PDB file of N, CA and C in Angstrom:
ATOM      1  N   UNK A   1     -84.657 -97.291  -6.222  1.00  0.00           N
ATOM      2  CA  UNK A   1     -83.280 -96.909  -6.025  1.00  0.00           C
ATOM      3  C   UNK A   1     -83.106 -95.456  -6.460  1.00  0.00           C
ATOM      4  N   UNK A   2     -82.514 -94.636  -5.614  1.00  0.00           N
ATOM      5  CA  UNK A   2     -82.309 -93.220  -5.967  1.00  0.00           C
ATOM      6  C   UNK A   2     -81.369 -93.071  -7.161  1.00  0.00           C
ATOM      7  N   UNK A   3     -81.680 -92.098  -7.990  1.00  0.00           N
ATOM      8  CA  UNK A   3     -80.848 -91.802  -9.148  1.00  0.00           C
ATOM      9  C   UNK A   3     -79.687 -90.915  -8.703  1.00  0.00           C
ATOM     10  N   UNK A   4     -78.492 -91.289  -9.106  1.00  0.00           N
ATOM     11  CA  UNK A   4     -77.296 -90.522  -8.744  1.00  0.00           C
ATOM     12  C   UNK A   4     -76.935 -89.611  -9.913  1.00  0.00           C
ATOM     13  N   UNK A   5     -76.764 -88.326  -9.618  1.00  0.00           N
ATOM     14  CA  UNK A   5     -76.391 -87.347 -10.628  1.00  0.00           C
ATOM     15  C   UNK A   5     -75.040 -86.733 -10.292  1.00  0.00           C
ATOM     16  N   UNK A   6     -74.381 -86.243 -11.313  1.00  0.00           N
ATOM     17  CA  UNK A   6     -73.138 -85.494 -11.093  1.00  0.00           C
ATOM     18  C   UNK A   6     -73.437 -84.004 -11.245  1.00  0.00           C
ATOM     19  N   UNK A   7     -72.594 -83.198 -10.644  1.00  0.00           N
ATOM     20  CA  UNK A   7     -72.724 -81.748 -10.806  1.00  0.00           C
ATOM     21  C   UNK A   7     -72.590 -81.359 -12.274  1.00  0.00           C
ATOM     22  N   UNK A   8     -71.740 -82.073 -13.001  1.00  0.00           N
ATOM     23  CA  UNK A   8     -71.543 -81.780 -14.422  1.00  0.00           C
ATOM     24  C   UNK A   8     -72.846 -81.924 -15.204  1.00  0.00           C
ATOM     25  N   UNK A   9     -73.609 -82.977 -14.931  1.00  0.00           N
ATOM     26  CA  UNK A   9     -74.879 -83.170 -15.643  1.00  0.00           C
ATOM     27  C   UNK A   9     -75.833 -82.008 -15.397  1.00  0.00           C
ATOM     28  N   UNK A  10     -75.902 -81.578 -14.170  1.00  0.00           N
ATOM     29  CA  UNK A  10     -76.789 -80.459 -13.831  1.00  0.00           C
ATOM     30  C   UNK A  10     -76.312 -79.180 -14.512  1.00  0.00           C
ATOM     31  N   UNK A  11     -75.019 -78.938 -14.501  1.00  0.00           N
ATOM     32  CA  UNK A  11     -74.474 -77.742 -15.146  1.00  0.00           C
ATOM     33  C   UNK A  11     -74.706 -77.767 -16.653  1.00  0.00           C
ATOM     34  N   UNK A  12     -74.544 -78.918 -17.272  1.00  0.00           N
ATOM     35  CA  UNK A  12     -74.788 -79.017 -18.713  1.00  0.00           C
ATOM     36  C   UNK A  12     -76.250 -78.760 -19.047  1.00  0.00           C
ATOM     37  N   UNK A  13     -77.148 -79.286 -18.220  1.00  0.00           N
ATOM     38  CA  UNK A  13     -78.573 -79.050 -18.469  1.00  0.00           C
ATOM     39  C   UNK A  13     -78.936 -77.589 -18.233  1.00  0.00           C
ATOM     40  N   UNK A  14     -78.334 -76.979 -17.224  1.00  0.00           N
ATOM     41  CA  UNK A  14     -78.558 -75.546 -16.989  1.00  0.00           C
ATOM     42  C   UNK A  14     -78.081 -74.723 -18.182  1.00  0.00           C
ATOM     43  N   UNK A  15     -76.945 -75.101 -18.756  1.00  0.00           N
ATOM     44  CA  UNK A  15     -76.440 -74.406 -19.944  1.00  0.00           C
ATOM     45  C   UNK A  15     -77.385 -74.591 -21.124  1.00  0.00           C
ATOM     46  N   UNK A  16     -77.967 -75.773 -21.245  1.00  0.00           N
ATOM     47  CA  UNK A  16     -78.924 -76.032 -22.317  1.00  0.00           C
ATOM     48  C   UNK A  16     -80.164 -75.165 -22.160  1.00  0.00           C
ATOM     49  N   UNK A  17     -80.672 -75.070 -20.955  1.00  0.00           N
ATOM     50  CA  UNK A  17     -81.860 -74.245 -20.696  1.00  0.00           C
ATOM     51  C   UNK A  17     -81.555 -72.776 -20.983  1.00  0.00           C
ATOM     52  N   UNK A  18     -80.400 -72.316 -20.559  1.00  0.00           N
ATOM     53  CA  UNK A  18     -80.017 -70.917 -20.815  1.00  0.00           C
ATOM     54  C   UNK A  18     -79.890 -70.666 -22.317  1.00  0.00           C
ATOM     55  N   UNK A  19     -79.300 -71.597 -23.044  1.00  0.00           N
ATOM     56  CA  UNK A  19     -79.160 -71.445 -24.497  1.00  0.00           C
ATOM     57  C   UNK A  19     -80.531 -71.466 -25.181  1.00  0.00           C
ATOM     58  N   UNK A  20     -81.434 -72.295 -24.666  1.00  0.00           N
ATOM     59  CA  UNK A  20     -82.797 -72.335 -25.218  1.00  0.00           C
ATOM     60  C   UNK A  20     -83.492 -70.995 -25.015  1.00  0.00           C
ATOM     61  N   UNK A  21     -83.404 -70.460 -23.823  1.00  0.00           N
ATOM     62  CA  UNK A  21     -84.047 -69.176 -23.537  1.00  0.00           C
ATOM     63  C   UNK A  21     -83.477 -68.074 -24.427  1.00  0.00           C
ATOM     64  N   UNK A  22     -82.178 -68.094 -24.625  1.00  0.00           N
ATOM     65  CA  UNK A  22     -81.537 -67.104 -25.487  1.00  0.00           C
ATOM     66  C   UNK A  22     -82.005 -67.265 -26.931  1.00  0.00           C
ATOM     67  N   UNK A  23     -82.069 -68.489 -27.404  1.00  0.00           N
ATOM     68  CA  UNK A  23     -82.480 -68.751 -28.790  1.00  0.00           C
ATOM     69  C   UNK A  23     -83.913 -68.301 -29.043  1.00  0.00           C
ATOM     70  N   UNK A  24     -84.742 -68.422 -28.027  1.00  0.00           N
ATOM     71  CA  UNK A  24     -86.163 -68.122 -28.212  1.00  0.00           C
ATOM     72  C   UNK A  24     -86.517 -66.659 -27.937  1.00  0.00           C
ATOM     73  N   UNK A  25     -85.521 -65.828 -27.678  1.00  0.00           N
ATOM     74  CA  UNK A  25     -85.811 -64.407 -27.438  1.00  0.00           C
ATOM     75  C   UNK A  25     -86.094 -63.652 -28.722  1.00  0.00           C
ATOM     76  N   UNK A  26     -85.649 -64.173 -29.830  1.00  0.00           N
ATOM     77  CA  UNK A  26     -85.864 -63.491 -31.109  1.00  0.00           C
ATOM     78  C   UNK A  26     -86.516 -64.431 -32.098  1.00  0.00           C
ATOM     79  N   UNK A  27     -86.643 -63.970 -33.336  1.00  0.00           N
ATOM     80  CA  UNK A  27     -87.227 -64.826 -34.359  1.00  0.00           C
ATOM     81  C   UNK A  27     -86.311 -66.010 -34.669  1.00  0.00           C
ATOM     82  N   UNK A  28     -86.912 -67.056 -35.182  1.00  0.00           N
ATOM     83  CA  UNK A  28     -86.131 -68.252 -35.491  1.00  0.00           C
ATOM     84  C   UNK A  28     -85.100 -67.981 -36.573  1.00  0.00           C
ATOM     85  N   UNK A  29     -83.914 -68.477 -36.329  1.00  0.00           N
ATOM     86  CA  UNK A  29     -82.895 -68.592 -37.372  1.00  0.00           C
ATOM     87  C   UNK A  29     -81.987 -69.736 -36.940  1.00  0.00           C
ATOM     88  N   UNK A  30     -81.498 -70.463 -37.908  1.00  0.00           N
ATOM     89  CA  UNK A  30     -80.622 -71.596 -37.596  1.00  0.00           C
ATOM     90  C   UNK A  30     -79.398 -71.121 -36.815  1.00  0.00           C
ATOM     91  N   UNK A  31     -78.899 -69.962 -37.168  1.00  0.00           N
ATOM     92  CA  UNK A  31     -77.720 -69.418 -36.490  1.00  0.00           C
ATOM     93  C   UNK A  31     -78.011 -69.130 -35.014  1.00  0.00           C
ATOM     94  N   UNK A  32     -79.181 -68.593 -34.733  1.00  0.00           N
ATOM     95  CA  UNK A  32     -79.553 -68.272 -33.351  1.00  0.00           C
ATOM     96  C   UNK A  32     -79.811 -69.536 -32.535  1.00  0.00           C
ATOM     97  N   UNK A  33     -80.333 -70.563 -33.178  1.00  0.00           N
ATOM     98  CA  UNK A  33     -80.668 -71.786 -32.452  1.00  0.00           C
ATOM     99  C   UNK A  33     -79.500 -72.752 -32.327  1.00  0.00           C
ATOM    100  N   UNK A  34     -78.456 -72.569 -33.109  1.00  0.00           N
ATOM    101  CA  UNK A  34     -77.342 -73.501 -33.112  1.00  0.00           C
ATOM    102  C   UNK A  34     -76.708 -73.700 -31.729  1.00  0.00           C
ATOM    103  N   UNK A  35     -76.438 -72.648 -30.950  1.00  0.00           N
ATOM    104  CA  UNK A  35     -75.867 -72.871 -29.610  1.00  0.00           C
ATOM    105  C   UNK A  35     -76.765 -73.740 -28.716  1.00  0.00           C
ATOM    106  N   UNK A  36     -78.076 -73.552 -28.835  1.00  0.00           N
ATOM    107  CA  UNK A  36     -79.014 -74.366 -28.053  1.00  0.00           C
ATOM    108  C   UNK A  36     -78.928 -75.827 -28.474  1.00  0.00           C
ATOM    109  N   UNK A  37     -78.957 -76.067 -29.764  1.00  0.00           N
ATOM    110  CA  UNK A  37     -78.910 -77.446 -30.254  1.00  0.00           C
ATOM    111  C   UNK A  37     -77.597 -78.124 -29.892  1.00  0.00           C
ATOM    112  N   UNK A  38     -76.518 -77.379 -29.966  1.00  0.00           N
ATOM    113  CA  UNK A  38     -75.221 -77.936 -29.581  1.00  0.00           C
ATOM    114  C   UNK A  38     -75.159 -78.235 -28.086  1.00  0.00           C
ATOM    115  N   UNK A  39     -75.667 -77.331 -27.279  1.00  0.00           N
ATOM    116  CA  UNK A  39     -75.684 -77.552 -25.822  1.00  0.00           C
ATOM    117  C   UNK A  39     -76.547 -78.757 -25.475  1.00  0.00           C
ATOM    118  N   UNK A  40     -77.676 -78.888 -26.148  1.00  0.00           N
ATOM    119  CA  UNK A  40     -78.563 -80.031 -25.899  1.00  0.00           C
ATOM    120  C   UNK A  40     -77.876 -81.342 -26.267  1.00  0.00           C
ATOM    121  N   UNK A  41     -77.144 -81.343 -27.376  1.00  0.00           N
ATOM    122  CA  UNK A  41     -76.436 -82.559 -27.786  1.00  0.00           C
ATOM    123  C   UNK A  41     -75.364 -82.947 -26.778  1.00  0.00           C
ATOM    124  N   UNK A  42     -74.629 -81.974 -26.298  1.00  0.00           N
ATOM    125  CA  UNK A  42     -73.594 -82.244 -25.291  1.00  0.00           C
ATOM    126  C   UNK A  42     -74.243 -82.813 -24.024  1.00  0.00           C
ATOM    127  N   UNK A  43     -75.337 -82.204 -23.600  1.00  0.00           N
ATOM    128  CA  UNK A  43     -76.038 -82.668 -22.403  1.00  0.00           C
ATOM    129  C   UNK A  43     -76.571 -84.090 -22.585  1.00  0.00           C
ATOM    130  N   UNK A  44     -77.187 -84.353 -23.716  1.00  0.00           N
ATOM    131  CA  UNK A  44     -77.732 -85.691 -23.980  1.00  0.00           C
ATOM    132  C   UNK A  44     -76.624 -86.743 -24.014  1.00  0.00           C
ATOM    133  N   UNK A  45     -75.505 -86.416 -24.632  1.00  0.00           N
ATOM    134  CA  UNK A  45     -74.382 -87.362 -24.666  1.00  0.00           C
ATOM    135  C   UNK A  45     -73.856 -87.638 -23.268  1.00  0.00           C
ATOM    136  N   UNK A  46     -73.762 -86.607 -22.460  1.00  0.00           N
ATOM    137  CA  UNK A  46     -73.277 -86.778 -21.085  1.00  0.00           C
ATOM    138  C   UNK A  46     -74.243 -87.627 -20.264  1.00  0.00           C
ATOM    139  N   UNK A  47     -75.530 -87.428 -20.464  1.00  0.00           N
ATOM    140  CA  UNK A  47     -76.535 -88.235 -19.763  1.00  0.00           C
ATOM    141  C   UNK A  47     -76.398 -89.703 -20.148  1.00  0.00           C
ATOM    142  N   UNK A  48     -76.242 -89.962 -21.445  1.00  0.00           N
ATOM    143  CA  UNK A  48     -76.090 -91.339 -21.914  1.00  0.00           C
ATOM    144  C   UNK A  48     -74.852 -91.985 -21.308  1.00  0.00           C
ATOM    145  N   UNK A  49     -73.730 -91.285 -21.335  1.00  0.00           N
ATOM    146  CA  UNK A  49     -72.489 -91.826 -20.784  1.00  0.00           C
ATOM    147  C   UNK A  49     -72.593 -92.046 -19.276  1.00  0.00           C
ATOM    148  N   UNK A  50     -73.202 -91.102 -18.577  1.00  0.00           N
ATOM    149  CA  UNK A  50     -73.365 -91.235 -17.126  1.00  0.00           C
ATOM    150  C   UNK A  50     -74.234 -92.444 -16.797  1.00  0.00           C
ATOM    151  N   UNK A  51     -75.315 -92.607 -17.533  1.00  0.00           N
ATOM    152  CA  UNK A  51     -76.212 -93.746 -17.288  1.00  0.00           C
ATOM    153  C   UNK A  51     -75.478 -95.069 -17.498  1.00  0.00           C
ATOM    154  N   UNK A  52     -74.702 -95.160 -18.555  1.00  0.00           N
ATOM    155  CA  UNK A  52     -73.931 -96.384 -18.810  1.00  0.00           C
ATOM    156  C   UNK A  52     -72.906 -96.617 -17.708  1.00  0.00           C
ATOM    157  N   UNK A  53     -72.175 -95.565 -17.355  1.00  0.00           N
ATOM    158  CA  UNK A  53     -71.094 -95.691 -16.372  1.00  0.00           C
ATOM    159  C   UNK A  53     -71.601 -96.060 -14.984  1.00  0.00           C
ATOM    160  N   UNK A  54     -72.815 -95.628 -14.657  1.00  0.00           N
ATOM    161  CA  UNK A  54     -73.360 -95.882 -13.317  1.00  0.00           C
ATOM    162  C   UNK A  54     -74.425 -96.977 -13.318  1.00  0.00           C
ATOM    163  N   UNK A  55     -74.620 -97.612 -14.471  1.00  0.00           N
ATOM    164  CA  UNK A  55     -75.594 -98.697 -14.614  1.00  0.00           C
ATOM    165  C   UNK A  55     -76.992 -98.268 -14.160  1.00  0.00           C
ATOM    166  N   UNK A  56     -77.399 -97.098 -14.653  1.00  0.00           N
ATOM    167  CA  UNK A  56     -78.731 -96.572 -14.364  1.00  0.00           C
ATOM    168  C   UNK A  56     -79.499 -96.438 -15.679  1.00  0.00           C
ATOM    169  N   UNK A  57     -80.792 -96.375 -15.583  1.00  0.00           N
ATOM    170  CA  UNK A  57     -81.622 -96.156 -16.753  1.00  0.00           C
ATOM    171  C   UNK A  57     -81.366 -94.762 -17.320  1.00  0.00           C
ATOM    172  N   UNK A  58     -81.121 -94.684 -18.632  1.00  0.00           N
ATOM    173  CA  UNK A  58     -80.887 -93.399 -19.270  1.00  0.00           C
ATOM    174  C   UNK A  58     -82.101 -92.499 -19.126  1.00  0.00           C
ATOM    175  N   UNK A  59     -83.273 -93.076 -19.297  1.00  0.00           N
ATOM    176  CA  UNK A  59     -84.517 -92.314 -19.140  1.00  0.00           C
ATOM    177  C   UNK A  59     -84.618 -91.727 -17.739  1.00  0.00           C
ATOM    178  N   UNK A  60     -84.323 -92.540 -16.724  1.00  0.00           N
ATOM    179  CA  UNK A  60     -84.413 -92.074 -15.341  1.00  0.00           C
ATOM    180  C   UNK A  60     -83.393 -90.979 -15.042  1.00  0.00           C
ATOM    181  N   UNK A  61     -82.186 -91.133 -15.576  1.00  0.00           N
ATOM    182  CA  UNK A  61     -81.158 -90.105 -15.365  1.00  0.00           C
ATOM    183  C   UNK A  61     -81.598 -88.790 -16.002  1.00  0.00           C
ATOM    184  N   UNK A  62     -82.093 -88.856 -17.243  1.00  0.00           N
ATOM    185  CA  UNK A  62     -82.529 -87.629 -17.911  1.00  0.00           C
ATOM    186  C   UNK A  62     -83.679 -86.974 -17.159  1.00  0.00           C
ATOM    187  N   UNK A  63     -84.638 -87.759 -16.724  1.00  0.00           N
ATOM    188  CA  UNK A  63     -85.780 -87.208 -15.986  1.00  0.00           C
ATOM    189  C   UNK A  63     -85.321 -86.544 -14.688  1.00  0.00           C
ATOM    190  N   UNK A  64     -84.372 -87.170 -14.003  1.00  0.00           N
ATOM    191  CA  UNK A  64     -83.866 -86.621 -12.742  1.00  0.00           C
ATOM    192  C   UNK A  64     -83.102 -85.311 -12.973  1.00  0.00           C
ATOM    193  N   UNK A  65     -82.295 -85.274 -14.027  1.00  0.00           N
ATOM    194  CA  UNK A  65     -81.546 -84.055 -14.358  1.00  0.00           C
ATOM    195  C   UNK A  65     -82.516 -82.923 -14.669  1.00  0.00           C
ATOM    196  N   UNK A  66     -83.517 -83.209 -15.472  1.00  0.00           N
ATOM    197  CA  UNK A  66     -84.475 -82.166 -15.844  1.00  0.00           C
ATOM    198  C   UNK A  66     -85.271 -81.696 -14.630  1.00  0.00           C
ATOM    199  N   UNK A  67     -85.636 -82.618 -13.747  1.00  0.00           N
ATOM    200  CA  UNK A  67     -86.325 -82.228 -12.530  1.00  0.00           C
ATOM    201  C   UNK A  67     -85.437 -81.314 -11.687  1.00  0.00           C
ATOM    202  N   UNK A  68     -84.170 -81.679 -11.539  1.00  0.00           N
ATOM    203  CA  UNK A  68     -83.243 -80.887 -10.733  1.00  0.00           C
ATOM    204  C   UNK A  68     -83.080 -79.475 -11.279  1.00  0.00           C
ATOM    205  N   UNK A  69     -83.077 -79.339 -12.600  1.00  0.00           N
ATOM    206  CA  UNK A  69     -82.844 -78.033 -13.211  1.00  0.00           C
ATOM    207  C   UNK A  69     -84.130 -77.230 -13.356  1.00  0.00           C
ATOM    208  N   UNK A  70     -85.176 -77.875 -13.784  1.00  0.00           N
ATOM    209  CA  UNK A  70     -86.412 -77.156 -14.088  1.00  0.00           C
ATOM    210  C   UNK A  70     -87.322 -76.957 -12.882  1.00  0.00           C
ATOM    211  N   UNK A  71     -87.177 -77.798 -11.865  1.00  0.00           N
ATOM    212  CA  UNK A  71     -88.014 -77.688 -10.676  1.00  0.00           C
ATOM    213  C   UNK A  71     -87.176 -78.017  -9.435  1.00  0.00           C
ATOM    214  N   UNK A  72     -86.221 -77.145  -9.096  1.00  0.00           N
ATOM    215  CA  UNK A  72     -85.295 -77.460  -8.001  1.00  0.00           C
ATOM    216  C   UNK A  72     -85.968 -77.670  -6.646  1.00  0.00           C
ATOM    217  N   UNK A  73     -87.084 -76.990  -6.402  1.00  0.00           N
ATOM    218  CA  UNK A  73     -87.772 -77.180  -5.119  1.00  0.00           C
ATOM    219  C   UNK A  73     -88.327 -78.600  -5.011  1.00  0.00           C
ATOM    220  N   UNK A  74     -88.949 -79.069  -6.069  1.00  0.00           N
ATOM    221  CA  UNK A  74     -89.498 -80.431  -6.071  1.00  0.00           C
ATOM    222  C   UNK A  74     -88.368 -81.459  -5.984  1.00  0.00           C
ATOM    223  N   UNK A  75     -87.258 -81.185  -6.661  1.00  0.00           N
ATOM    224  CA  UNK A  75     -86.100 -82.075  -6.607  1.00  0.00           C
ATOM    225  C   UNK A  75     -85.544 -82.150  -5.182  1.00  0.00           C
ATOM    226  N   UNK A  76     -85.427 -81.006  -4.523  1.00  0.00           N
ATOM    227  CA  UNK A  76     -84.922 -80.971  -3.147  1.00  0.00           C
ATOM    228  C   UNK A  76     -85.842 -81.750  -2.214  1.00  0.00           C
ATOM    229  N   UNK A  77     -87.139 -81.604  -2.410  1.00  0.00           N
ATOM    230  CA  UNK A  77     -88.106 -82.348  -1.592  1.00  0.00           C
ATOM    231  C   UNK A  77     -87.973 -83.850  -1.836  1.00  0.00           C
ATOM    232  N   UNK A  78     -87.814 -84.234  -3.071  1.00  0.00           N
ATOM    233  CA  UNK A  78     -87.646 -85.655  -3.398  1.00  0.00           C
ATOM    234  C   UNK A  78     -86.398 -86.207  -2.729  1.00  0.00           C
ATOM    235  N   UNK A  79     -85.301 -85.463  -2.800  1.00  0.00           N
ATOM    236  CA  UNK A  79     -84.051 -85.903  -2.182  1.00  0.00           C
ATOM    237  C   UNK A  79     -84.182 -85.981  -0.664  1.00  0.00           C
ATOM    238  N   UNK A  80     -84.917 -85.041  -0.071  1.00  0.00           N
ATOM    239  CA  UNK A  80     -85.138 -85.063   1.378  1.00  0.00           C
ATOM    240  C   UNK A  80     -85.893 -86.328   1.775  1.00  0.00           C
ATOM    241  N   UNK A  81     -86.929 -86.663   1.004  1.00  0.00           N
ATOM    242  CA  UNK A  81     -87.717 -87.866   1.302  1.00  0.00           C
ATOM    243  C   UNK A  81     -86.885 -89.132   1.123  1.00  0.00           C
ATOM    244  N   UNK A  82     -86.036 -89.152   0.091  1.00  0.00           N
ATOM    245  CA  UNK A  82     -85.156 -90.311  -0.109  1.00  0.00           C
ATOM    246  C   UNK A  82     -84.202 -90.472   1.065  1.00  0.00           C
ATOM    247  N   UNK A  83     -83.664 -89.367   1.567  1.00  0.00           N
ATOM    248  CA  UNK A  83     -82.748 -89.418   2.707  1.00  0.00           C
ATOM    249  C   UNK A  83     -83.458 -89.898   3.963  1.00  0.00           C
ATOM    250  N   UNK A  84     -84.674 -89.429   4.178  1.00  0.00           N
ATOM    251  CA  UNK A  84     -85.459 -89.877   5.333  1.00  0.00           C
ATOM    252  C   UNK A  84     -85.730 -91.378   5.254  1.00  0.00           C
ATOM    253  N   UNK A  85     -86.092 -91.839   4.070  1.00  0.00           N
ATOM    254  CA  UNK A  85     -86.374 -93.261   3.880  1.00  0.00           C
ATOM    255  C   UNK A  85     -85.123 -94.094   4.133  1.00  0.00           C
ATOM    256  N   UNK A  86     -83.991 -93.618   3.647  1.00  0.00           N
ATOM    257  CA  UNK A  86     -82.734 -94.343   3.836  1.00  0.00           C
ATOM    258  C   UNK A  86     -82.330 -94.358   5.304  1.00  0.00           C
ATOM    259  N   UNK A  87     -82.618 -93.295   6.018  1.00  0.00           N
ATOM    260  CA  UNK A  87     -82.257 -93.205   7.436  1.00  0.00           C
ATOM    261  C   UNK A  87     -83.080 -94.174   8.293  1.00  0.00           C
ATOM    262  N   UNK A  88     -84.285 -94.496   7.824  1.00  0.00           N
ATOM    263  CA  UNK A  88     -85.154 -95.407   8.579  1.00  0.00           C
ATOM    264  C   UNK A  88     -84.720 -96.858   8.444  1.00  0.00           C
ATOM    265  N   UNK A  89     -83.904 -97.149   7.464  1.00  0.00           N
ATOM    266  CA  UNK A  89     -83.480 -98.550   7.239  1.00  0.00           C
ATOM    267  C   UNK A  89     -82.443 -98.995   8.226  1.00  0.00           C
TER     268      UNK A  89
END
């Protein structure tokens, strides 16, 4: 069964990745890493709530969100194949 994502989940994960990249540009400090950790917590909470609300596996939702953000070409290909498979039914 295809995993359903919301635009909000993708945007939150994109914000987390951007905050991570920013945090890692300089030496470690709790102050520099705090925005990343906060963004990650918001994203994780949203993933958990989305999984519950849509009756999907939390693990699968998180994996799909990360694939969409970290490897958009592979995600697009996966979605194309899912659409082709659904069209054949």
